[in-house]
């Protein structure tokens, strides 16, 4: 978690506990006097050291790397309601949806799929805890997309999740999706709700939420 102390990270785990509970995995590398097991998080807390990441590349390169390995909680946050791990990855530069999706697969997961209000609240709180996850109101990519060329279904038809899960729960911003310019087929957070945007995020999207099952 970028710029967050161990004490602040542990305080955040208590906030998320009210949204269904979680296990916070915290890196204590380099912290003097860290007491293993004294985390206050639900379940067992363990120390993990995030691996170094390659320098970030420009959006659309097809191979994006995290900003200094800056993920929420190092290895992420485990949501007790489904046992999945969630992390927010922040990039040095704008990143396209497909590059972020490829990066999520390399991390062993996929861009997040949000299928309930409870999961939505959990993910929103996680995003809010990570420095630079939102760039001038443009928040992270999620795993929702619309196959291009479905003109008869625009603007809100044909949407689906990268995992093929049922498309039932949605949390669109008012007036979205609207397929501005006929090229908005990918979803991200705009403020606290979803927005459809172009593949390259109009050069503003610099983060993604990864879910590892």
N, C-alpha and C. Protein backbone atom coordinates (compact mmCIF):
# COMPACT_ATOMS: atom_id res chain seq x y z
N UNK A 1 0.85 -1.18 0.00
CA UNK A 1 0.00 0.00 0.00
C UNK A 1 0.88 1.23 0.00
N UNK A 2 0.72 2.11 -0.98
CA UNK A 2 1.62 3.23 -1.16
C UNK A 2 1.54 4.19 0.00
N UNK A 3 2.70 4.47 0.61
CA UNK A 3 2.78 5.50 1.63
C UNK A 3 1.99 5.23 2.87
N UNK A 4 1.61 3.98 3.15
CA UNK A 4 0.79 3.69 4.34
C UNK A 4 1.62 2.97 5.37
N UNK A 5 1.62 3.44 6.59
CA UNK A 5 2.35 2.80 7.68
C UNK A 5 1.66 1.53 8.09
N UNK A 6 2.39 0.68 8.84
CA UNK A 6 1.79 -0.55 9.33
C UNK A 6 0.59 -0.25 10.20
N UNK A 7 0.69 0.78 11.04
CA UNK A 7 -0.43 1.10 11.93
C UNK A 7 -1.64 1.51 11.13
N UNK A 8 -1.41 2.36 10.07
CA UNK A 8 -2.53 2.79 9.25
C UNK A 8 -3.14 1.63 8.50
N UNK A 9 -2.27 0.71 7.99
CA UNK A 9 -2.79 -0.45 7.27
C UNK A 9 -3.66 -1.31 8.15
N UNK A 10 -3.25 -1.50 9.41
CA UNK A 10 -4.03 -2.31 10.32
C UNK A 10 -5.34 -1.63 10.66
N UNK A 11 -5.33 -0.32 10.76
CA UNK A 11 -6.57 0.41 11.01
C UNK A 11 -7.53 0.24 9.86
N UNK A 12 -7.01 0.19 8.64
CA UNK A 12 -7.85 0.00 7.46
C UNK A 12 -8.52 -1.36 7.47
N UNK A 13 -7.82 -2.39 7.98
CA UNK A 13 -8.43 -3.71 8.01
C UNK A 13 -9.68 -3.72 8.86
N UNK A 14 -9.70 -2.89 9.92
CA UNK A 14 -10.88 -2.82 10.77
C UNK A 14 -12.04 -2.19 10.04
N UNK A 15 -11.74 -1.21 9.17
CA UNK A 15 -12.81 -0.59 8.39
C UNK A 15 -13.43 -1.61 7.46
N UNK A 16 -12.57 -2.37 6.77
CA UNK A 16 -13.09 -3.35 5.84
C UNK A 16 -13.82 -4.48 6.55
N UNK A 17 -13.45 -4.74 7.80
CA UNK A 17 -14.13 -5.80 8.54
C UNK A 17 -15.61 -5.51 8.64
N UNK A 18 -15.98 -4.24 8.70
CA UNK A 18 -17.38 -3.88 8.77
C UNK A 18 -18.11 -4.12 7.47
N UNK A 19 -17.35 -4.35 6.37
CA UNK A 19 -17.97 -4.62 5.08
C UNK A 19 -18.01 -6.10 4.78
N UNK A 20 -17.72 -6.93 5.73
CA UNK A 20 -17.79 -8.36 5.51
C UNK A 20 -16.56 -9.08 5.99
N UNK A 21 -15.56 -8.32 6.43
CA UNK A 21 -14.37 -8.95 6.99
C UNK A 21 -13.32 -9.22 5.95
N UNK A 22 -12.08 -9.19 6.36
CA UNK A 22 -10.99 -9.46 5.44
C UNK A 22 -9.77 -9.86 6.24
N UNK A 23 -8.78 -10.40 5.52
CA UNK A 23 -7.48 -10.68 6.10
C UNK A 23 -6.50 -9.75 5.43
N UNK A 24 -5.78 -8.95 6.18
CA UNK A 24 -4.83 -8.00 5.63
C UNK A 24 -3.45 -8.63 5.60
N UNK A 25 -2.86 -8.68 4.43
CA UNK A 25 -1.52 -9.23 4.29
C UNK A 25 -0.56 -8.05 4.17
N UNK A 26 0.29 -7.87 5.15
CA UNK A 26 1.10 -6.67 5.27
C UNK A 26 2.57 -6.99 5.12
N UNK A 27 3.28 -6.19 4.35
CA UNK A 27 4.73 -6.32 4.27
C UNK A 27 5.37 -5.58 5.44
N UNK A 28 6.16 -6.32 6.24
CA UNK A 28 6.86 -5.69 7.37
C UNK A 28 8.35 -5.60 7.09
N UNK A 29 8.74 -5.84 5.85
CA UNK A 29 10.15 -5.76 5.49
C UNK A 29 10.68 -4.36 5.76
N UNK A 30 11.75 -4.28 6.53
CA UNK A 30 12.38 -2.99 6.80
C UNK A 30 11.81 -2.26 7.99
N UNK A 31 10.78 -2.82 8.65
CA UNK A 31 10.22 -2.17 9.83
C UNK A 31 10.86 -2.76 11.08
N UNK A 32 11.47 -1.92 11.88
CA UNK A 32 12.11 -2.42 13.09
C UNK A 32 11.08 -2.70 14.15
N UNK A 33 11.28 -3.75 14.91
CA UNK A 33 10.41 -4.06 16.03
C UNK A 33 9.06 -4.60 15.62
N UNK A 34 8.89 -5.06 14.34
CA UNK A 34 7.60 -5.60 13.92
C UNK A 34 7.36 -6.89 14.66
N UNK A 35 6.17 -7.03 15.22
CA UNK A 35 5.84 -8.20 16.00
C UNK A 35 4.92 -9.09 15.20
N UNK A 36 5.44 -10.21 14.69
CA UNK A 36 4.64 -11.11 13.88
C UNK A 36 3.43 -11.58 14.67
N UNK A 37 2.27 -11.57 13.99
CA UNK A 37 1.06 -12.07 14.61
C UNK A 37 0.29 -10.99 15.33
N UNK A 38 0.87 -9.80 15.55
CA UNK A 38 0.17 -8.73 16.25
C UNK A 38 -0.39 -7.76 15.22
N UNK A 39 -1.43 -8.22 14.44
CA UNK A 39 -1.94 -7.40 13.36
C UNK A 39 -3.30 -6.87 13.63
N UNK A 40 -4.11 -7.50 14.49
CA UNK A 40 -5.45 -7.04 14.74
C UNK A 40 -6.40 -7.35 13.61
N UNK A 41 -5.93 -7.95 12.51
CA UNK A 41 -6.80 -8.26 11.40
C UNK A 41 -7.55 -9.55 11.69
N UNK A 42 -8.72 -9.71 11.03
CA UNK A 42 -9.49 -10.93 11.22
C UNK A 42 -8.68 -12.10 10.70
N UNK A 43 -8.63 -13.18 11.46
CA UNK A 43 -7.85 -14.35 11.08
C UNK A 43 -6.37 -14.09 11.33
N UNK A 44 -5.51 -14.89 10.69
CA UNK A 44 -4.07 -14.75 10.88
C UNK A 44 -3.52 -13.74 9.90
N UNK A 45 -2.63 -12.88 10.38
CA UNK A 45 -1.92 -11.95 9.51
C UNK A 45 -0.51 -12.48 9.34
N UNK A 46 0.01 -12.36 8.12
CA UNK A 46 1.38 -12.79 7.91
C UNK A 46 2.13 -11.73 7.12
N UNK A 47 3.46 -11.71 7.31
CA UNK A 47 4.28 -10.71 6.63
C UNK A 47 4.63 -11.23 5.25
N UNK A 48 4.40 -10.40 4.24
CA UNK A 48 4.77 -10.72 2.87
C UNK A 48 5.55 -9.56 2.30
N UNK A 49 6.58 -9.86 1.55
CA UNK A 49 7.36 -8.82 0.91
C UNK A 49 7.02 -8.79 -0.56
N UNK A 50 6.53 -7.64 -1.03
CA UNK A 50 6.15 -7.52 -2.43
C UNK A 50 7.39 -7.60 -3.30
N UNK A 51 7.28 -8.31 -4.42
CA UNK A 51 8.41 -8.43 -5.33
C UNK A 51 8.55 -7.16 -6.14
N UNK A 52 9.77 -6.93 -6.62
CA UNK A 52 10.03 -5.74 -7.43
C UNK A 52 9.34 -5.87 -8.77
N UNK A 53 8.92 -4.73 -9.31
CA UNK A 53 8.27 -4.74 -10.62
C UNK A 53 9.18 -4.07 -11.63
N UNK A 54 8.98 -4.41 -12.91
CA UNK A 54 9.72 -3.78 -13.97
C UNK A 54 9.22 -2.34 -14.13
N UNK A 55 10.00 -1.48 -14.78
CA UNK A 55 9.52 -0.11 -15.02
C UNK A 55 8.22 -0.13 -15.82
N UNK A 56 7.32 0.77 -15.49
CA UNK A 56 6.05 0.83 -16.19
C UNK A 56 6.26 1.23 -17.63
N UNK A 57 5.37 0.74 -18.50
CA UNK A 57 5.45 1.08 -19.91
C UNK A 57 4.21 1.86 -20.31
N UNK A 58 4.24 2.42 -21.50
CA UNK A 58 3.14 3.26 -21.92
C UNK A 58 1.89 2.45 -22.15
N UNK A 59 0.74 3.13 -22.06
CA UNK A 59 -0.54 2.47 -22.27
C UNK A 59 -0.59 1.84 -23.65
N UNK A 60 -1.23 0.66 -23.68
CA UNK A 60 -1.40 -0.02 -24.94
C UNK A 60 -0.23 -0.88 -25.35
N UNK A 61 0.80 -0.94 -24.53
CA UNK A 61 1.97 -1.74 -24.89
C UNK A 61 1.69 -3.22 -24.81
N UNK A 62 0.63 -3.59 -24.07
CA UNK A 62 0.29 -5.00 -23.93
C UNK A 62 1.02 -5.66 -22.78
N UNK A 63 1.92 -4.92 -22.16
CA UNK A 63 2.67 -5.47 -21.03
C UNK A 63 2.93 -4.34 -20.04
N UNK A 64 2.07 -4.22 -19.03
CA UNK A 64 2.20 -3.12 -18.08
C UNK A 64 2.75 -3.64 -16.78
N UNK A 65 3.52 -2.79 -16.08
CA UNK A 65 4.08 -3.17 -14.79
C UNK A 65 3.68 -2.17 -13.74
N UNK A 66 3.50 -2.63 -12.52
CA UNK A 66 3.02 -1.76 -11.45
C UNK A 66 4.06 -0.75 -11.04
N UNK A 67 3.58 0.37 -10.54
CA UNK A 67 4.46 1.43 -10.08
C UNK A 67 5.19 0.98 -8.83
N UNK A 68 6.44 0.55 -8.99
CA UNK A 68 7.24 0.13 -7.85
C UNK A 68 6.62 -1.02 -7.08
N UNK A 69 5.84 -1.86 -7.73
CA UNK A 69 5.17 -2.95 -7.03
C UNK A 69 4.14 -2.43 -6.04
N UNK A 70 3.54 -1.28 -6.32
CA UNK A 70 2.66 -0.62 -5.35
C UNK A 70 1.25 -1.18 -5.41
N UNK A 71 1.03 -2.26 -4.70
CA UNK A 71 -0.28 -2.88 -4.63
C UNK A 71 -0.83 -2.72 -3.23
N UNK A 72 -2.16 -2.74 -3.08
CA UNK A 72 -2.77 -2.60 -1.76
C UNK A 72 -2.36 -3.77 -0.87
N UNK A 73 -1.68 -3.47 0.22
CA UNK A 73 -1.31 -4.52 1.17
C UNK A 73 -0.27 -5.47 0.66
N UNK A 74 0.50 -5.08 -0.37
CA UNK A 74 1.53 -5.95 -0.90
C UNK A 74 0.92 -7.07 -1.71
N UNK A 75 0.35 -8.05 -1.06
CA UNK A 75 -0.28 -9.18 -1.74
C UNK A 75 -1.78 -9.00 -1.86
N UNK A 76 -2.32 -7.93 -1.30
CA UNK A 76 -3.74 -7.67 -1.44
C UNK A 76 -4.53 -7.95 -0.18
N UNK A 77 -5.84 -7.84 -0.31
CA UNK A 77 -6.78 -8.04 0.79
C UNK A 77 -7.69 -9.22 0.47
N UNK A 78 -7.83 -10.14 1.40
CA UNK A 78 -8.71 -11.29 1.20
C UNK A 78 -10.07 -10.96 1.79
N UNK A 79 -11.09 -11.06 0.97
CA UNK A 79 -12.47 -10.81 1.41
C UNK A 79 -13.04 -12.12 1.95
N UNK A 80 -13.48 -12.10 3.19
CA UNK A 80 -13.90 -13.35 3.84
C UNK A 80 -15.15 -13.95 3.22
N UNK A 81 -15.95 -13.15 2.52
CA UNK A 81 -17.21 -13.67 1.98
C UNK A 81 -17.00 -14.62 0.81
N UNK A 82 -15.86 -14.49 0.11
CA UNK A 82 -15.61 -15.44 -0.98
C UNK A 82 -14.20 -16.01 -0.98
N UNK A 83 -13.33 -15.52 -0.09
CA UNK A 83 -11.97 -16.02 -0.01
C UNK A 83 -11.06 -15.54 -1.13
N UNK A 84 -11.55 -14.62 -1.97
CA UNK A 84 -10.73 -14.11 -3.07
C UNK A 84 -9.84 -12.96 -2.57
N UNK A 85 -8.70 -12.81 -3.22
CA UNK A 85 -7.79 -11.72 -2.87
C UNK A 85 -7.96 -10.58 -3.88
N UNK A 86 -8.00 -9.36 -3.37
CA UNK A 86 -8.17 -8.18 -4.21
C UNK A 86 -7.00 -7.24 -4.00
N UNK A 87 -6.49 -6.68 -5.08
CA UNK A 87 -5.44 -5.68 -4.95
C UNK A 87 -5.65 -4.59 -5.99
N UNK A 88 -5.20 -3.40 -5.64
CA UNK A 88 -5.27 -2.26 -6.55
C UNK A 88 -3.86 -2.00 -7.07
N UNK A 89 -3.71 -2.04 -8.37
CA UNK A 89 -2.40 -1.81 -8.98
C UNK A 89 -2.38 -0.42 -9.60
N UNK A 90 -1.36 0.36 -9.23
CA UNK A 90 -1.22 1.73 -9.73
C UNK A 90 -0.03 1.79 -10.68
N UNK A 91 -0.21 2.48 -11.81
CA UNK A 91 0.81 2.55 -12.85
C UNK A 91 1.42 3.95 -12.95
N UNK A 92 2.64 4.00 -13.44
CA UNK A 92 3.32 5.28 -13.63
C UNK A 92 2.64 6.12 -14.70
N UNK A 93 2.15 5.46 -15.74
CA UNK A 93 1.52 6.13 -16.86
C UNK A 93 0.13 5.56 -17.10
N UNK A 94 -0.62 6.21 -17.97
CA UNK A 94 -1.93 5.68 -18.34
C UNK A 94 -1.77 4.28 -18.91
N UNK A 95 -2.75 3.44 -18.64
CA UNK A 95 -2.69 2.04 -19.08
C UNK A 95 -4.00 1.68 -19.76
N UNK A 96 -3.92 0.94 -20.84
CA UNK A 96 -5.13 0.53 -21.55
C UNK A 96 -5.80 -0.63 -20.82
N UNK A 97 -7.07 -0.85 -21.15
CA UNK A 97 -7.82 -1.93 -20.51
C UNK A 97 -7.19 -3.28 -20.82
N UNK A 98 -6.81 -3.52 -22.08
CA UNK A 98 -6.27 -4.84 -22.41
C UNK A 98 -4.89 -5.06 -21.78
N UNK A 99 -4.07 -4.00 -21.66
CA UNK A 99 -2.77 -4.16 -21.00
C UNK A 99 -2.96 -4.47 -19.52
N UNK A 100 -3.93 -3.78 -18.88
CA UNK A 100 -4.22 -4.06 -17.47
C UNK A 100 -4.78 -5.46 -17.29
N UNK A 101 -5.60 -5.90 -18.24
CA UNK A 101 -6.16 -7.25 -18.17
C UNK A 101 -5.06 -8.29 -18.29
N UNK A 102 -4.13 -8.08 -19.22
CA UNK A 102 -2.99 -9.00 -19.37
C UNK A 102 -2.17 -9.03 -18.08
N UNK A 103 -1.97 -7.88 -17.47
CA UNK A 103 -1.20 -7.79 -16.25
C UNK A 103 -1.88 -8.57 -15.12
N UNK A 104 -3.22 -8.48 -15.07
CA UNK A 104 -3.97 -9.20 -14.05
C UNK A 104 -3.81 -10.71 -14.21
N UNK A 105 -3.83 -11.17 -15.45
CA UNK A 105 -3.64 -12.60 -15.71
C UNK A 105 -2.25 -13.05 -15.28
N UNK A 106 -1.24 -12.22 -15.57
CA UNK A 106 0.13 -12.55 -15.16
C UNK A 106 0.26 -12.61 -13.64
N UNK A 107 -0.59 -11.85 -12.94
CA UNK A 107 -0.57 -11.86 -11.48
C UNK A 107 -1.31 -13.06 -10.91
N UNK A 108 -1.91 -13.86 -11.79
CA UNK A 108 -2.63 -15.06 -11.34
C UNK A 108 -4.11 -14.85 -11.15
N UNK A 109 -4.64 -13.75 -11.68
CA UNK A 109 -6.06 -13.47 -11.50
C UNK A 109 -6.68 -12.88 -12.75
N UNK A 110 -7.55 -11.90 -12.55
CA UNK A 110 -8.24 -11.22 -13.65
C UNK A 110 -8.71 -9.87 -13.14
N UNK A 111 -9.06 -8.98 -14.04
CA UNK A 111 -9.65 -7.73 -13.61
C UNK A 111 -10.91 -8.04 -12.81
N UNK A 112 -11.16 -7.26 -11.78
CA UNK A 112 -12.21 -7.59 -10.82
C UNK A 112 -13.59 -7.69 -11.47
N UNK A 113 -14.35 -8.67 -11.02
CA UNK A 113 -15.75 -8.82 -11.42
C UNK A 113 -16.60 -8.57 -10.17
N UNK A 114 -17.53 -7.66 -10.28
CA UNK A 114 -18.31 -7.22 -9.12
C UNK A 114 -19.76 -7.66 -9.31
N UNK A 115 -20.22 -8.57 -8.48
CA UNK A 115 -21.53 -9.18 -8.73
C UNK A 115 -22.55 -8.97 -7.62
N UNK A 116 -22.24 -8.09 -6.67
CA UNK A 116 -23.19 -7.81 -5.60
C UNK A 116 -22.87 -6.46 -4.97
N UNK A 117 -23.85 -5.91 -4.26
CA UNK A 117 -23.65 -4.64 -3.57
C UNK A 117 -22.59 -4.77 -2.48
N UNK A 118 -22.53 -5.92 -1.81
CA UNK A 118 -21.54 -6.12 -0.76
C UNK A 118 -20.13 -6.12 -1.34
N UNK A 119 -19.95 -6.78 -2.46
CA UNK A 119 -18.63 -6.80 -3.10
C UNK A 119 -18.28 -5.39 -3.61
N UNK A 120 -19.28 -4.69 -4.13
CA UNK A 120 -19.07 -3.31 -4.58
C UNK A 120 -18.54 -2.42 -3.45
N UNK A 121 -19.17 -2.53 -2.28
CA UNK A 121 -18.75 -1.72 -1.13
C UNK A 121 -17.33 -2.06 -0.71
N UNK A 122 -17.00 -3.34 -0.73
CA UNK A 122 -15.66 -3.78 -0.36
C UNK A 122 -14.61 -3.22 -1.33
N UNK A 123 -14.88 -3.35 -2.63
CA UNK A 123 -13.93 -2.88 -3.64
C UNK A 123 -13.79 -1.36 -3.58
N UNK A 124 -14.90 -0.65 -3.40
CA UNK A 124 -14.85 0.81 -3.34
C UNK A 124 -14.00 1.28 -2.16
N UNK A 125 -14.14 0.61 -1.01
CA UNK A 125 -13.34 0.96 0.16
C UNK A 125 -11.86 0.68 -0.08
N UNK A 126 -11.57 -0.40 -0.76
CA UNK A 126 -10.18 -0.74 -1.07
C UNK A 126 -9.56 0.32 -1.98
N UNK A 127 -10.29 0.72 -3.02
CA UNK A 127 -9.79 1.75 -3.93
C UNK A 127 -9.51 3.04 -3.17
N UNK A 128 -10.42 3.40 -2.29
CA UNK A 128 -10.28 4.63 -1.53
C UNK A 128 -9.09 4.64 -0.60
N UNK A 129 -8.54 3.47 -0.29
CA UNK A 129 -7.42 3.38 0.64
C UNK A 129 -6.06 3.48 -0.04
N UNK A 130 -6.04 3.45 -1.37
CA UNK A 130 -4.77 3.36 -2.11
C UNK A 130 -4.43 4.70 -2.75
N UNK A 131 -3.28 5.22 -2.41
CA UNK A 131 -2.83 6.49 -2.94
C UNK A 131 -2.66 6.42 -4.45
N UNK A 132 -3.16 7.45 -5.15
CA UNK A 132 -3.03 7.60 -6.60
C UNK A 132 -3.84 6.59 -7.40
N UNK A 133 -4.76 5.86 -6.75
CA UNK A 133 -5.60 4.92 -7.50
C UNK A 133 -6.58 5.67 -8.40
N UNK A 134 -6.89 6.90 -8.02
CA UNK A 134 -7.81 7.73 -8.81
C UNK A 134 -7.03 8.92 -9.36
N UNK A 135 -7.13 9.11 -10.67
CA UNK A 135 -6.42 10.18 -11.35
C UNK A 135 -7.45 11.19 -11.87
N UNK A 136 -7.63 12.31 -11.14
CA UNK A 136 -8.56 13.35 -11.56
C UNK A 136 -9.95 12.76 -11.82
N UNK A 137 -10.45 11.99 -10.87
CA UNK A 137 -11.77 11.32 -10.89
C UNK A 137 -11.78 10.05 -11.73
N UNK A 138 -10.73 9.79 -12.51
CA UNK A 138 -10.68 8.57 -13.31
C UNK A 138 -10.08 7.45 -12.46
N UNK A 139 -10.93 6.51 -12.06
CA UNK A 139 -10.50 5.42 -11.21
C UNK A 139 -10.13 4.17 -11.98
N UNK A 140 -9.93 3.06 -11.27
CA UNK A 140 -9.37 1.84 -11.86
C UNK A 140 -10.26 1.15 -12.89
N UNK A 141 -9.60 0.39 -13.74
CA UNK A 141 -10.29 -0.53 -14.65
C UNK A 141 -10.94 -1.65 -13.85
N UNK A 142 -12.07 -2.14 -14.33
CA UNK A 142 -12.70 -3.35 -13.82
C UNK A 142 -12.88 -4.32 -14.98
N UNK A 143 -13.28 -5.55 -14.67
CA UNK A 143 -13.33 -6.58 -15.70
C UNK A 143 -14.61 -6.64 -16.50
N UNK A 144 -15.22 -5.49 -16.77
CA UNK A 144 -16.44 -5.43 -17.58
C UNK A 144 -16.11 -4.87 -18.95
N UNK A 145 -16.68 -5.48 -19.99
CA UNK A 145 -16.43 -5.00 -21.35
C UNK A 145 -17.62 -5.35 -22.23
N UNK A 146 -17.64 -4.73 -23.39
CA UNK A 146 -18.72 -4.91 -24.36
C UNK A 146 -18.08 -5.18 -25.71
N UNK A 147 -18.35 -6.33 -26.30
CA UNK A 147 -17.74 -6.62 -27.59
C UNK A 147 -18.08 -5.53 -28.61
N UNK A 148 -17.09 -4.93 -29.24
CA UNK A 148 -17.36 -3.89 -30.24
C UNK A 148 -18.20 -4.43 -31.40
N UNK A 149 -18.92 -3.55 -32.04
CA UNK A 149 -19.68 -3.95 -33.21
C UNK A 149 -21.12 -4.34 -32.93
N UNK A 150 -21.52 -4.28 -31.63
CA UNK A 150 -22.90 -4.60 -31.29
C UNK A 150 -23.77 -3.34 -31.36
N UNK A 151 -23.80 -2.72 -32.55
CA UNK A 151 -24.49 -1.46 -32.70
C UNK A 151 -25.95 -1.50 -32.29
N UNK A 152 -26.61 -2.62 -32.52
CA UNK A 152 -28.02 -2.72 -32.18
C UNK A 152 -28.26 -2.79 -30.69
N UNK A 153 -27.22 -3.09 -29.92
CA UNK A 153 -27.37 -3.22 -28.47
C UNK A 153 -26.86 -2.00 -27.71
N UNK A 154 -26.32 -1.02 -28.40
CA UNK A 154 -25.77 0.15 -27.73
C UNK A 154 -26.88 1.00 -27.11
N UNK A 155 -26.60 1.66 -25.97
CA UNK A 155 -25.28 1.69 -25.33
C UNK A 155 -25.11 0.67 -24.20
N UNK A 156 -26.21 0.03 -23.77
CA UNK A 156 -26.10 -0.79 -22.56
C UNK A 156 -26.29 -2.28 -22.79
N UNK A 157 -26.31 -2.71 -24.03
CA UNK A 157 -26.47 -4.13 -24.31
C UNK A 157 -25.14 -4.82 -24.54
N UNK A 158 -25.12 -6.13 -24.30
CA UNK A 158 -23.94 -6.93 -24.62
C UNK A 158 -22.81 -6.88 -23.62
N UNK A 159 -22.98 -6.18 -22.50
CA UNK A 159 -21.91 -6.11 -21.51
C UNK A 159 -21.73 -7.44 -20.80
N UNK A 160 -20.50 -7.74 -20.42
CA UNK A 160 -20.23 -8.99 -19.71
C UNK A 160 -18.95 -8.89 -18.92
N UNK A 161 -18.68 -9.94 -18.13
CA UNK A 161 -17.48 -10.00 -17.30
C UNK A 161 -16.42 -10.85 -17.99
N UNK A 162 -15.15 -10.56 -17.71
CA UNK A 162 -14.06 -11.31 -18.32
C UNK A 162 -14.09 -12.78 -17.96
N UNK A 163 -14.72 -13.12 -16.85
CA UNK A 163 -14.79 -14.51 -16.40
C UNK A 163 -15.99 -15.27 -16.97
N UNK A 164 -16.90 -14.55 -17.61
CA UNK A 164 -18.11 -15.19 -18.11
C UNK A 164 -19.20 -15.33 -17.07
N UNK A 165 -18.99 -14.74 -15.88
CA UNK A 165 -20.04 -14.78 -14.85
C UNK A 165 -21.29 -14.05 -15.33
N UNK A 166 -22.45 -14.39 -14.78
CA UNK A 166 -23.69 -13.73 -15.20
C UNK A 166 -23.62 -12.21 -15.01
N UNK A 167 -24.11 -11.48 -15.99
CA UNK A 167 -24.17 -10.02 -15.92
C UNK A 167 -25.52 -9.65 -15.32
N UNK A 168 -25.52 -9.38 -14.02
CA UNK A 168 -26.77 -9.09 -13.33
C UNK A 168 -26.67 -7.80 -12.53
N UNK A 169 -25.70 -7.73 -11.60
CA UNK A 169 -25.51 -6.53 -10.79
C UNK A 169 -24.72 -5.49 -11.59
N UNK A 170 -25.17 -4.21 -11.55
CA UNK A 170 -24.43 -3.12 -12.16
C UNK A 170 -24.44 -1.91 -11.22
N UNK A 171 -23.50 -1.00 -11.44
CA UNK A 171 -23.41 0.20 -10.60
C UNK A 171 -22.94 1.38 -11.46
N UNK A 172 -23.66 1.62 -12.57
CA UNK A 172 -23.28 2.67 -13.50
C UNK A 172 -23.53 4.06 -12.92
N UNK A 173 -22.71 4.99 -13.30
CA UNK A 173 -22.95 6.40 -13.04
C UNK A 173 -24.22 6.82 -13.79
N UNK A 174 -24.92 7.84 -13.30
CA UNK A 174 -26.12 8.31 -13.97
C UNK A 174 -25.80 8.67 -15.42
N UNK A 175 -26.62 8.19 -16.34
CA UNK A 175 -26.42 8.47 -17.76
C UNK A 175 -25.41 7.58 -18.45
N UNK A 176 -24.85 6.64 -17.71
CA UNK A 176 -23.87 5.69 -18.28
C UNK A 176 -24.46 4.28 -18.28
N UNK A 177 -24.01 3.43 -19.19
CA UNK A 177 -23.09 3.71 -20.28
C UNK A 177 -23.76 4.50 -21.39
N UNK A 178 -22.98 5.29 -22.12
CA UNK A 178 -23.57 6.09 -23.20
C UNK A 178 -22.84 5.96 -24.54
N UNK A 179 -21.75 5.20 -24.56
CA UNK A 179 -21.01 4.92 -25.79
C UNK A 179 -20.70 6.19 -26.58
N UNK A 180 -20.13 7.17 -25.91
CA UNK A 180 -19.76 8.42 -26.57
C UNK A 180 -18.82 8.16 -27.75
N UNK A 181 -19.18 8.68 -28.91
CA UNK A 181 -18.35 8.52 -30.09
C UNK A 181 -18.38 7.12 -30.68
N UNK A 182 -19.23 6.24 -30.12
CA UNK A 182 -19.33 4.87 -30.63
C UNK A 182 -18.10 4.02 -30.37
N UNK A 183 -17.32 4.39 -29.34
CA UNK A 183 -16.07 3.66 -29.11
C UNK A 183 -15.84 3.30 -27.65
N UNK A 184 -16.86 3.43 -26.81
CA UNK A 184 -16.68 3.17 -25.38
C UNK A 184 -17.22 1.78 -25.03
N UNK A 185 -16.31 0.83 -24.93
CA UNK A 185 -16.70 -0.57 -24.73
C UNK A 185 -16.03 -1.22 -23.52
N UNK A 186 -15.45 -0.41 -22.63
CA UNK A 186 -14.72 -0.93 -21.48
C UNK A 186 -15.10 -0.11 -20.24
N UNK A 187 -15.11 -0.77 -19.08
CA UNK A 187 -15.60 -0.11 -17.87
C UNK A 187 -14.50 0.17 -16.86
N UNK A 188 -14.67 1.29 -16.17
CA UNK A 188 -13.77 1.68 -15.08
C UNK A 188 -14.60 2.48 -14.09
N UNK A 189 -13.97 2.84 -12.98
CA UNK A 189 -14.62 3.71 -12.00
C UNK A 189 -14.43 5.16 -12.40
N UNK A 190 -15.52 5.91 -12.38
CA UNK A 190 -15.49 7.35 -12.53
C UNK A 190 -16.12 7.89 -11.26
N UNK A 191 -15.30 8.42 -10.36
CA UNK A 191 -15.80 8.73 -9.03
C UNK A 191 -16.07 7.42 -8.30
N UNK A 192 -17.28 7.28 -7.78
CA UNK A 192 -17.62 6.07 -7.01
C UNK A 192 -18.46 5.07 -7.79
N UNK A 193 -18.71 5.35 -9.07
CA UNK A 193 -19.55 4.45 -9.86
C UNK A 193 -18.87 4.14 -11.19
N UNK A 194 -19.51 3.28 -11.98
CA UNK A 194 -18.90 2.81 -13.22
C UNK A 194 -19.18 3.75 -14.38
N UNK A 195 -18.25 3.70 -15.34
CA UNK A 195 -18.37 4.50 -16.55
C UNK A 195 -17.82 3.70 -17.72
N UNK A 196 -18.42 3.85 -18.90
CA UNK A 196 -17.84 3.22 -20.09
C UNK A 196 -16.90 4.21 -20.74
N UNK A 197 -15.81 3.68 -21.29
CA UNK A 197 -14.76 4.52 -21.85
C UNK A 197 -14.05 3.73 -22.94
N UNK A 198 -13.20 4.41 -23.71
CA UNK A 198 -12.49 3.75 -24.79
C UNK A 198 -11.41 2.80 -24.26
N UNK A 199 -10.87 2.00 -25.15
CA UNK A 199 -9.88 1.00 -24.78
C UNK A 199 -8.67 1.60 -24.08
N UNK A 200 -8.25 2.79 -24.50
CA UNK A 200 -7.07 3.41 -23.90
C UNK A 200 -7.42 4.30 -22.71
N UNK A 201 -8.69 4.31 -22.29
CA UNK A 201 -9.08 5.12 -21.14
C UNK A 201 -8.90 6.61 -21.37
N UNK A 202 -8.89 7.00 -22.65
CA UNK A 202 -8.69 8.40 -23.02
C UNK A 202 -7.41 8.97 -22.42
N UNK A 203 -6.49 8.08 -22.06
CA UNK A 203 -5.21 8.52 -21.52
C UNK A 203 -5.24 8.95 -20.07
N UNK A 204 -6.34 8.64 -19.37
CA UNK A 204 -6.49 9.08 -17.97
C UNK A 204 -6.44 7.94 -16.95
N UNK A 205 -6.79 6.73 -17.34
CA UNK A 205 -6.88 5.63 -16.37
C UNK A 205 -5.48 5.09 -16.08
N UNK A 206 -5.10 5.09 -14.80
CA UNK A 206 -3.74 4.69 -14.40
C UNK A 206 -3.75 3.60 -13.33
N UNK A 207 -4.84 2.89 -13.18
CA UNK A 207 -4.89 1.85 -12.14
C UNK A 207 -5.88 0.78 -12.55
N UNK A 208 -5.85 -0.32 -11.82
CA UNK A 208 -6.76 -1.44 -12.07
C UNK A 208 -6.96 -2.22 -10.78
N UNK A 209 -8.13 -2.83 -10.65
CA UNK A 209 -8.38 -3.72 -9.52
C UNK A 209 -8.26 -5.15 -10.02
N UNK A 210 -7.40 -5.91 -9.36
CA UNK A 210 -7.16 -7.31 -9.72
C UNK A 210 -7.80 -8.21 -8.67
N UNK A 211 -8.48 -9.25 -9.14
CA UNK A 211 -9.09 -10.25 -8.24
C UNK A 211 -8.42 -11.59 -8.50
N UNK A 212 -7.93 -12.21 -7.42
CA UNK A 212 -7.27 -13.52 -7.53
C UNK A 212 -8.08 -14.53 -6.75
N UNK A 213 -8.60 -15.53 -7.43
CA UNK A 213 -9.48 -16.51 -6.79
C UNK A 213 -8.68 -17.65 -6.19
